[in-house]
Amino acid sequence: MRVLIADDSKLTRTMLQQTLGDEGYEVFACCDGTEAWEVISKGEYYLAVLDWLMPGVTGLEICRRLRSKTSHFVYTIILTAMNKPEDIVEAFQAGASDYVTKPFRDAELLARVAVGARIVTLQAELAQAQKLESVGQLAAGIAHEINTPTQYVGDNTRFLKDAFSDIEHVLATLGRLLTAAQEGTVNPNLIAEAERAVQSSDMEYLLSEIPQAINQSLSGVERVAKIVRAMKEFSHPGGQQKALVRLSDAIETTVTVAHNEWKYVADVITDFDPTLPDVSCLPGELNQVLLNLIINAAHAIGDKTKENTEKGRITVKTRRDDDWAEISVSDTGTGIPDHIRLRIFDPFFTTKGVGKGTGQGLAIARSVIVDKHGGSLSVTSKQGEGSTFVARIPIEGS
């Protein structure tokens, strides 16, 4: 577990590094709050021990910024010589997760850090569970998507098998007729047999249907291959290192994976900016964001179209805005009521029924865009008309 420590006292930093390092923690030390905030804001540390009073930015100010400016969860332990009840209350009100008084005792510090490490681990496990939940929800739909083309490939293959048997009989009869012609022994019975074979096999029908069956089978195989490729690309973890990604490919992959979620309720329209270059991002994390936004859009439209059969529309666009890449996902769904719009990015907040959502999708999406990519995720909505989510990330990475 990586731990960030920040204290303007070199002695205290040394003691913290030694105590935590001896317990196996990977420690990164900062000498003031300004440096600590720069590191924390990059989203690389989720557990921090911060001195209350430091030059530049105080530990409490860092807690306030974490609480108000990002959805990035960092378990913060405030280190302070102030131990009055009102001081402790102020620290918690600022957003601190815990506190340790100076001079600290090794056993107490390690116990509190261990609690923080466990909570950070649970947070990560919850995020992973949400990803697996998304894949699980899609599994039945993906199986159906694969089953449909597989069925008509099978039906066409059986038709081609029967057709081959008929053609084989015709070719055998014509072969005997050719041999007789070469030997000069052709007789009316042999000619009549050849005519009957051609008529019984309905060659005109076979010549018309066989090309269609082959084309349909090839189309089905291509469809299955496309779904498998999309699932492979979508589920690839991608590691923790950013890579250059063509956003149009990532969106097409996600649209394919989520096809069974939207095909009955909406049409998906894509509009890609041809001037947008490859973007530095975390591919697996970005795919998850796109999936959450598209599925949410489909569900919003589904809720609206329960009373009629008219399909809605999901529009996914990319645009370049100077050094930024912009992805927008719009829907013609129910829209978001004004009184809950400010809460939709809160962890565990959901308007869906029991068993349909954990309330983690948009919270994780915002964390990925804001904290891991240094971007922004915003929403505009009009109740009854639909919503538009806009994600902006730097093209060259943060």
Protein backbone atom coordinates (compact mmCIF):
# COMPACT_ATOMS: atom_id res chain seq x y z
CA MET A 1 0.00 0.00 0.00
CA ARG A 2 1.33 3.44 -0.97
CA VAL A 3 1.15 6.16 1.66
CA LEU A 4 1.78 9.87 1.15
CA ILE A 5 3.09 11.79 4.14
CA ALA A 6 3.42 15.57 4.39
CA ASP A 7 5.08 17.48 7.23
CA ASP A 8 7.33 20.53 7.22
CA SER A 9 9.43 18.99 10.02
CA LYS A 10 12.26 16.90 8.62
CA LEU A 11 12.50 14.96 11.90
CA THR A 12 8.80 14.07 11.81
CA ARG A 13 9.01 13.05 8.15
CA THR A 14 11.97 10.80 8.90
CA MET A 15 10.17 9.17 11.84
CA LEU A 16 7.02 8.63 9.78
CA GLN A 17 8.99 7.15 6.90
CA GLN A 18 10.85 4.78 9.17
CA THR A 19 7.78 3.66 11.12
CA LEU A 20 5.63 3.07 8.06
CA GLY A 21 8.47 1.73 5.93
CA ASP A 22 9.30 -0.92 8.53
CA GLU A 23 5.72 -2.16 8.24
CA GLY A 24 6.03 -2.60 4.49
CA TYR A 25 4.29 0.57 3.32
CA GLU A 26 5.62 2.38 0.25
CA VAL A 27 6.08 5.93 1.52
CA PHE A 28 6.29 9.15 -0.47
CA ALA A 29 7.29 12.20 1.60
CA CYS A 30 6.41 15.83 0.93
CA CYS A 31 7.89 18.77 2.81
CA ASP A 32 4.87 21.07 2.52
CA GLY A 33 1.17 21.12 1.68
CA THR A 34 1.59 22.59 -1.79
CA GLU A 35 3.71 19.64 -2.95
CA ALA A 36 1.35 17.20 -1.22
CA TRP A 37 -1.69 18.64 -3.00
CA GLU A 38 0.03 18.47 -6.39
CA VAL A 39 0.76 14.77 -5.86
CA ILE A 40 -2.65 13.91 -4.40
CA SER A 41 -4.55 15.73 -7.15
CA LYS A 42 -2.99 13.41 -9.75
CA GLY A 43 -5.00 10.54 -8.25
CA GLU A 44 -2.01 8.33 -7.51
CA TYR A 45 -2.37 8.14 -3.71
CA TYR A 46 -5.42 7.06 -1.72
CA LEU A 47 -3.98 7.13 1.79
CA ALA A 48 -2.29 10.21 3.25
CA VAL A 49 -0.90 11.35 6.61
CA LEU A 50 -0.95 15.15 6.65
CA ASP A 51 0.35 17.68 9.14
CA TRP A 52 -2.37 20.14 10.14
CA LEU A 53 -0.19 23.27 9.83
CA MET A 54 2.20 23.43 6.87
CA PRO A 55 3.57 26.19 4.64
CA GLY A 56 1.56 26.85 1.49
CA VAL A 57 -1.45 24.60 1.94
CA THR A 58 -2.48 23.19 5.30
CA GLY A 59 -3.52 19.61 5.87
CA LEU A 60 -7.07 20.75 6.61
CA GLU A 61 -7.21 22.76 3.38
CA ILE A 62 -6.22 19.62 1.45
CA CYS A 63 -9.09 17.76 3.14
CA ARG A 64 -11.51 20.52 2.17
CA ARG A 65 -10.32 20.49 -1.44
CA LEU A 66 -10.68 16.73 -1.66
CA ARG A 67 -14.21 16.92 -0.34
CA SER A 68 -15.39 19.82 -2.50
CA LYS A 69 -13.41 19.69 -5.74
CA THR A 70 -13.12 16.02 -6.66
CA SER A 71 -14.78 12.67 -6.18
CA HIS A 72 -11.38 11.14 -5.64
CA PHE A 73 -11.51 9.29 -2.32
CA VAL A 74 -8.38 9.72 -0.20
CA TYR A 75 -8.28 8.44 3.37
CA THR A 76 -6.65 11.35 5.17
CA ILE A 77 -5.15 11.16 8.64
CA ILE A 78 -4.42 14.56 10.18
CA LEU A 79 -1.26 14.76 12.29
CA THR A 80 -1.44 17.53 14.89
CA ALA A 81 -0.40 18.67 18.34
CA MET A 82 -3.86 20.18 18.82
CA ASN A 83 -6.02 17.71 20.71
CA LYS A 84 -8.91 19.72 22.12
CA PRO A 85 -12.38 18.37 21.29
CA GLU A 86 -13.19 21.43 19.17
CA ASP A 87 -9.95 20.89 17.20
CA ILE A 88 -10.85 17.30 16.48
CA VAL A 89 -14.36 18.30 15.42
CA GLU A 90 -12.91 20.94 13.08
CA ALA A 91 -10.66 18.34 11.47
CA PHE A 92 -13.55 15.97 10.81
CA GLN A 93 -15.74 18.79 9.52
CA ALA A 94 -12.99 19.69 7.06
CA GLY A 95 -13.16 16.17 5.67
CA ALA A 96 -10.41 14.33 7.57
CA SER A 97 -10.94 10.59 7.93
CA ASP A 98 -8.95 10.25 11.17
CA TYR A 99 -6.34 12.02 13.27
CA VAL A 100 -3.20 11.25 15.28
CA THR A 101 -1.81 13.59 17.92
CA LYS A 102 1.82 14.62 18.20
CA PRO A 103 4.09 13.28 19.41
CA PHE A 104 2.70 10.15 17.82
CA ARG A 105 3.08 6.65 19.19
CA ASP A 106 4.15 4.05 16.64
CA ALA A 107 1.50 1.51 17.62
CA GLU A 108 -1.37 4.01 17.39
CA LEU A 109 -0.16 5.44 14.08
CA LEU A 110 0.18 1.98 12.54
CA ALA A 111 -3.25 0.91 13.80
CA ARG A 112 -4.93 3.97 12.29
CA VAL A 113 -3.04 3.67 9.02
CA ALA A 114 -4.00 -0.03 8.87
CA VAL A 115 -7.68 0.93 9.19
CA GLY A 116 -7.25 3.46 6.39
CA ALA A 117 -5.49 0.92 4.20
CA ARG A 118 -8.32 -1.53 4.70
CA ILE A 119 -10.95 1.07 3.77
CA VAL A 120 -8.98 2.06 0.66
CA THR A 121 -8.76 -1.62 -0.31
CA LEU A 122 -12.50 -2.08 0.19
CA GLN A 123 -13.12 1.00 -1.95
CA ALA A 124 -11.04 -0.51 -4.76
CA GLU A 125 -12.78 -3.87 -4.39
CA LEU A 126 -16.15 -2.13 -4.59
CA ALA A 127 -15.12 -0.37 -7.78
CA GLN A 128 -13.98 -3.67 -9.28
CA ALA A 129 -17.23 -5.31 -8.20
CA GLN A 130 -19.13 -2.60 -10.02
CA LYS A 131 -17.18 -3.33 -13.20
CA LEU A 132 -17.89 -7.05 -12.88
CA GLU A 133 -21.55 -6.25 -12.23
CA SER A 134 -21.68 -4.34 -15.52
CA VAL A 135 -20.16 -7.28 -17.39
CA GLY A 136 -22.52 -9.67 -15.60
CA GLN A 137 -25.55 -7.61 -16.56
CA LEU A 138 -24.38 -7.63 -20.17
CA ALA A 139 -23.58 -11.35 -20.27
CA ALA A 140 -27.11 -12.55 -21.08
CA GLY A 141 -27.48 -9.91 -23.76
CA ILE A 142 -24.13 -10.73 -25.31
CA ALA A 143 -25.02 -14.45 -25.33
CA HIS A 144 -28.21 -13.54 -27.19
CA GLU A 145 -26.26 -11.34 -29.60
CA ILE A 146 -23.97 -14.25 -30.42
CA ASN A 147 -26.75 -16.84 -30.46
CA THR A 148 -28.84 -15.09 -33.13
CA PRO A 149 -26.21 -15.05 -35.93
CA THR A 150 -25.03 -18.50 -34.82
CA GLN A 151 -28.53 -19.84 -35.38
CA TYR A 152 -28.82 -18.62 -38.94
CA VAL A 153 -25.28 -19.76 -39.71
CA GLY A 154 -26.37 -23.20 -38.51
CA ASP A 155 -29.62 -23.07 -40.50
CA ASN A 156 -27.80 -21.99 -43.64
CA THR A 157 -25.14 -24.65 -43.20
CA ARG A 158 -27.82 -27.37 -42.97
CA PHE A 159 -29.47 -25.94 -46.09
CA LEU A 160 -26.14 -26.00 -47.94
CA LYS A 161 -25.63 -29.60 -46.82
CA ASP A 162 -28.99 -30.64 -48.34
CA ALA A 163 -28.35 -28.53 -51.43
CA PHE A 164 -24.97 -30.18 -51.93
CA SER A 165 -26.65 -33.61 -51.80
CA ASP A 166 -29.09 -32.55 -54.54
CA ILE A 167 -26.34 -31.02 -56.66
CA GLU A 168 -24.18 -34.11 -56.16
CA HIS A 169 -27.02 -36.29 -57.54
CA VAL A 170 -27.40 -33.98 -60.56
CA LEU A 171 -23.65 -33.95 -61.23
CA ALA A 172 -23.47 -37.76 -60.99
CA THR A 173 -26.31 -38.11 -63.52
CA LEU A 174 -24.78 -35.55 -65.85
CA GLY A 175 -21.45 -37.32 -65.47
CA ARG A 176 -22.96 -40.55 -66.74
CA LEU A 177 -24.56 -38.65 -69.61
CA LEU A 178 -21.19 -37.08 -70.51
CA THR A 179 -19.47 -40.46 -70.46
CA ALA A 180 -22.15 -41.93 -72.71
CA ALA A 181 -21.81 -38.98 -75.10
CA GLN A 182 -18.04 -39.49 -75.27
CA GLU A 183 -18.57 -43.20 -76.03
CA GLY A 184 -21.40 -42.57 -78.47
CA THR A 185 -23.90 -44.61 -76.43
CA VAL A 186 -26.40 -41.90 -75.43
CA ASN A 187 -29.98 -43.19 -75.26
CA PRO A 188 -33.34 -41.55 -74.50
CA ASN A 189 -33.55 -43.15 -71.04
CA LEU A 190 -30.26 -41.55 -69.94
CA ILE A 191 -31.37 -38.15 -71.21
CA ALA A 192 -34.73 -38.47 -69.40
CA GLU A 193 -32.92 -39.45 -66.19
CA ALA A 194 -30.75 -36.33 -66.42
CA GLU A 195 -33.84 -34.16 -66.99
CA ARG A 196 -35.61 -35.66 -63.99
CA ALA A 197 -32.54 -35.11 -61.77
CA VAL A 198 -32.33 -31.43 -62.75
CA GLN A 199 -36.06 -30.89 -62.24
CA SER A 200 -36.28 -32.74 -58.90
CA SER A 201 -33.38 -30.79 -57.45
CA ASP A 202 -34.93 -27.46 -58.54
CA MET A 203 -31.61 -26.11 -59.74
CA GLU A 204 -33.01 -22.66 -60.48
CA TYR A 205 -34.03 -22.31 -56.82
CA LEU A 206 -30.66 -23.60 -55.57
CA LEU A 207 -28.71 -21.25 -57.82
CA SER A 208 -30.73 -18.36 -56.39
CA GLU A 209 -30.64 -19.34 -52.70
CA ILE A 210 -27.13 -20.74 -52.25
CA PRO A 211 -25.33 -17.38 -52.78
CA GLN A 212 -27.71 -15.75 -50.30
CA ALA A 213 -27.11 -18.49 -47.74
CA ILE A 214 -23.34 -18.08 -48.11
CA ASN A 215 -23.54 -14.29 -47.75
CA GLN A 216 -25.81 -14.57 -44.69
CA SER A 217 -23.44 -17.08 -43.10
CA LEU A 218 -20.42 -14.87 -43.72
CA SER A 219 -22.34 -11.92 -42.27
CA GLY A 220 -23.19 -13.98 -39.18
CA VAL A 221 -19.60 -15.07 -38.70
CA GLU A 222 -18.43 -11.47 -39.06
CA ARG A 223 -21.04 -10.35 -36.51
CA VAL A 224 -19.90 -12.95 -33.97
CA ALA A 225 -16.25 -12.05 -34.60
CA LYS A 226 -17.05 -8.36 -34.10
CA ILE A 227 -18.77 -9.07 -30.77
CA VAL A 228 -15.89 -11.25 -29.57
CA ARG A 229 -13.33 -8.62 -30.59
CA ALA A 230 -15.34 -5.92 -28.83
CA MET A 231 -15.59 -7.97 -25.63
CA LYS A 232 -11.87 -8.74 -25.77
CA GLU A 233 -10.96 -5.08 -26.23
CA PHE A 234 -13.48 -3.92 -23.64
CA SER A 235 -12.47 -6.40 -20.95
CA HIS A 236 -8.73 -5.95 -21.45
CA PRO A 237 -7.48 -4.38 -18.19
CA GLY A 238 -4.96 -2.15 -19.94
CA GLY A 239 -2.81 -1.81 -16.83
CA GLN A 240 -2.20 1.38 -14.89
CA GLN A 241 -0.17 3.06 -17.61
CA LYS A 242 -1.81 5.44 -20.03
CA ALA A 243 -1.76 4.58 -23.72
CA LEU A 244 -2.71 6.35 -26.94
CA VAL A 245 -6.27 5.42 -27.86
CA ARG A 246 -8.45 6.29 -30.84
CA LEU A 247 -11.65 7.38 -29.13
CA SER A 248 -13.84 6.47 -32.09
CA ASP A 249 -12.65 2.84 -31.85
CA ALA A 250 -13.23 2.76 -28.09
CA ILE A 251 -16.75 4.11 -28.52
CA GLU A 252 -17.61 1.69 -31.34
CA THR A 253 -16.37 -1.19 -29.18
CA THR A 254 -18.49 -0.12 -26.23
CA VAL A 255 -21.57 0.45 -28.41
CA THR A 256 -21.16 -3.10 -29.74
CA VAL A 257 -20.76 -4.59 -26.27
CA ALA A 258 -23.86 -2.76 -25.01
CA HIS A 259 -25.93 -3.48 -28.14
CA ASN A 260 -28.50 -5.66 -26.40
CA GLU A 261 -29.06 -2.93 -23.79
CA TRP A 262 -30.16 -0.28 -26.29
CA LYS A 263 -31.33 -2.02 -29.47
CA TYR A 264 -34.94 -2.42 -28.32
CA VAL A 265 -35.38 1.12 -27.01
CA ALA A 266 -33.11 3.39 -29.05
CA ASP A 267 -31.05 3.98 -32.14
CA VAL A 268 -27.42 4.92 -31.56
CA ILE A 269 -25.91 7.67 -33.68
CA THR A 270 -22.18 8.35 -33.64
CA ASP A 271 -20.55 11.57 -34.79
CA PHE A 272 -16.75 11.53 -34.63
CA ASP A 273 -14.44 14.50 -35.13
CA PRO A 274 -11.95 13.48 -37.87
CA THR A 275 -9.43 16.05 -36.59
CA LEU A 276 -9.22 14.48 -33.12
CA PRO A 277 -5.90 12.64 -32.69
CA ASP A 278 -5.29 9.59 -30.51
CA VAL A 279 -5.73 10.47 -26.85
CA SER A 280 -3.51 9.49 -23.91
CA CYS A 281 -5.75 7.67 -21.42
CA LEU A 282 -6.37 4.52 -19.39
CA PRO A 283 -8.22 2.37 -21.96
CA GLY A 284 -9.94 -0.01 -19.56
CA GLU A 285 -11.09 2.77 -17.26
CA LEU A 286 -12.37 4.91 -20.16
CA ASN A 287 -14.29 1.95 -21.62
CA GLN A 288 -16.03 1.54 -18.27
CA VAL A 289 -17.04 5.22 -18.24
CA LEU A 290 -18.45 4.96 -21.78
CA LEU A 291 -20.33 1.79 -20.89
CA ASN A 292 -21.90 3.39 -17.81
CA LEU A 293 -23.02 6.46 -19.78
CA ILE A 294 -24.49 4.46 -22.68
CA ILE A 295 -26.33 2.00 -20.42
CA ASN A 296 -27.69 4.85 -18.31
CA ALA A 297 -28.89 6.56 -21.48
CA ALA A 298 -30.61 3.36 -22.64
CA HIS A 299 -32.31 2.90 -19.26
CA ALA A 300 -33.51 6.53 -19.25
CA ILE A 301 -35.03 6.08 -22.71
CA GLY A 302 -36.51 2.72 -21.69
CA ASP A 303 -38.24 4.34 -18.73
CA LYS A 304 -39.71 6.97 -21.04
CA THR A 305 -40.83 4.60 -23.80
CA LYS A 306 -42.65 2.14 -21.53
CA GLU A 307 -45.92 3.79 -22.52
CA ASN A 308 -45.28 3.80 -26.29
CA THR A 309 -43.38 1.84 -28.90
CA GLU A 310 -41.46 4.75 -30.42
CA LYS A 311 -37.71 4.28 -30.08
CA GLY A 312 -35.50 6.98 -28.62
CA ARG A 313 -32.09 8.17 -29.71
CA ILE A 314 -28.61 8.01 -28.15
CA THR A 315 -26.03 10.29 -29.76
CA VAL A 316 -22.34 9.87 -29.02
CA LYS A 317 -20.01 12.59 -30.28
CA THR A 318 -16.32 13.40 -30.09
CA ARG A 319 -14.88 16.87 -30.55
CA ARG A 320 -11.49 18.50 -30.28
CA ASP A 321 -11.33 21.69 -28.23
CA ASP A 322 -7.74 22.97 -28.43
CA ASP A 323 -5.72 20.57 -26.25
CA TRP A 324 -8.79 18.78 -24.96
CA ALA A 325 -10.82 15.82 -26.22
CA GLU A 326 -14.54 16.00 -25.57
CA ILE A 327 -16.95 13.06 -25.52
CA SER A 328 -20.67 13.70 -25.22
CA VAL A 329 -23.41 11.12 -24.70
CA SER A 330 -26.93 12.48 -25.24
CA ASP A 331 -30.25 10.71 -24.87
CA THR A 332 -33.92 11.46 -25.42
CA GLY A 333 -34.90 9.88 -22.13
CA THR A 334 -36.70 11.05 -19.02
CA GLY A 335 -34.17 13.69 -18.01
CA ILE A 336 -32.91 14.31 -14.48
CA PRO A 337 -35.09 16.19 -11.98
CA ASP A 338 -33.51 19.41 -10.73
CA HIS A 339 -33.66 18.38 -7.07
CA ILE A 340 -31.38 15.37 -7.58
CA ARG A 341 -29.07 16.64 -10.33
CA LEU A 342 -26.37 17.71 -7.86
CA ARG A 343 -26.40 14.27 -6.23
CA ILE A 344 -26.06 11.96 -9.24
CA PHE A 345 -22.27 11.75 -8.89
CA ASP A 346 -22.47 10.88 -5.18
CA PRO A 347 -21.40 7.31 -4.32
CA PHE A 348 -24.35 4.93 -3.80
CA PHE A 349 -26.95 7.45 -5.00
CA THR A 350 -29.32 5.86 -7.49
CA THR A 351 -32.84 6.39 -8.78
CA LYS A 352 -33.10 2.84 -10.10
CA GLY A 353 -35.07 0.09 -8.43
CA VAL A 354 -33.62 -2.51 -6.10
CA GLY A 355 -31.25 -4.83 -7.95
CA LYS A 356 -30.91 -2.53 -10.97
CA GLY A 357 -28.06 -0.32 -9.81
CA THR A 358 -25.52 0.19 -7.05
CA GLY A 359 -25.27 3.95 -7.34
CA GLN A 360 -21.57 3.61 -8.12
CA GLY A 361 -21.58 3.97 -11.91
CA LEU A 362 -21.50 7.76 -12.20
CA ALA A 363 -19.36 8.19 -9.09
CA ILE A 364 -16.73 5.90 -10.60
CA ALA A 365 -17.09 7.59 -14.00
CA ARG A 366 -16.43 11.00 -12.47
CA SER A 367 -13.49 9.68 -10.47
CA VAL A 368 -11.95 8.17 -13.62
CA ILE A 369 -12.38 11.33 -15.69
CA VAL A 370 -11.55 13.91 -13.00
CA ASP A 371 -8.97 12.18 -10.84
CA LYS A 372 -7.23 9.76 -13.16
CA HIS A 373 -7.29 11.90 -16.30
CA GLY A 374 -7.36 15.45 -14.92
CA GLY A 375 -10.53 16.21 -16.83
CA SER A 376 -14.15 17.05 -16.09
CA LEU A 377 -17.52 15.32 -16.29
CA SER A 378 -20.65 17.45 -16.44
CA VAL A 379 -24.32 17.02 -17.23
CA THR A 380 -27.10 19.15 -18.66
CA SER A 381 -30.65 17.87 -18.53
CA LYS A 382 -34.24 18.86 -19.09
CA GLN A 383 -36.86 16.73 -17.45
CA GLY A 384 -38.97 14.91 -20.01
CA GLU A 385 -36.60 15.67 -22.89
CA GLY A 386 -33.30 13.99 -22.04
CA SER A 387 -29.77 14.49 -20.76
CA THR A 388 -26.29 15.10 -22.12
CA PHE A 389 -23.15 14.02 -20.29
CA VAL A 390 -19.90 15.63 -21.42
CA ALA A 391 -16.48 14.21 -20.52
CA ARG A 392 -13.38 16.29 -21.22
CA ILE A 393 -9.85 14.95 -20.94
CA PRO A 394 -6.49 16.40 -22.03
CA ILE A 395 -5.35 14.94 -25.34
CA GLU A 396 -1.76 14.46 -24.18
CA GLY A 397 -2.69 13.25 -20.70
CA SER A 398 -2.52 14.97 -17.34
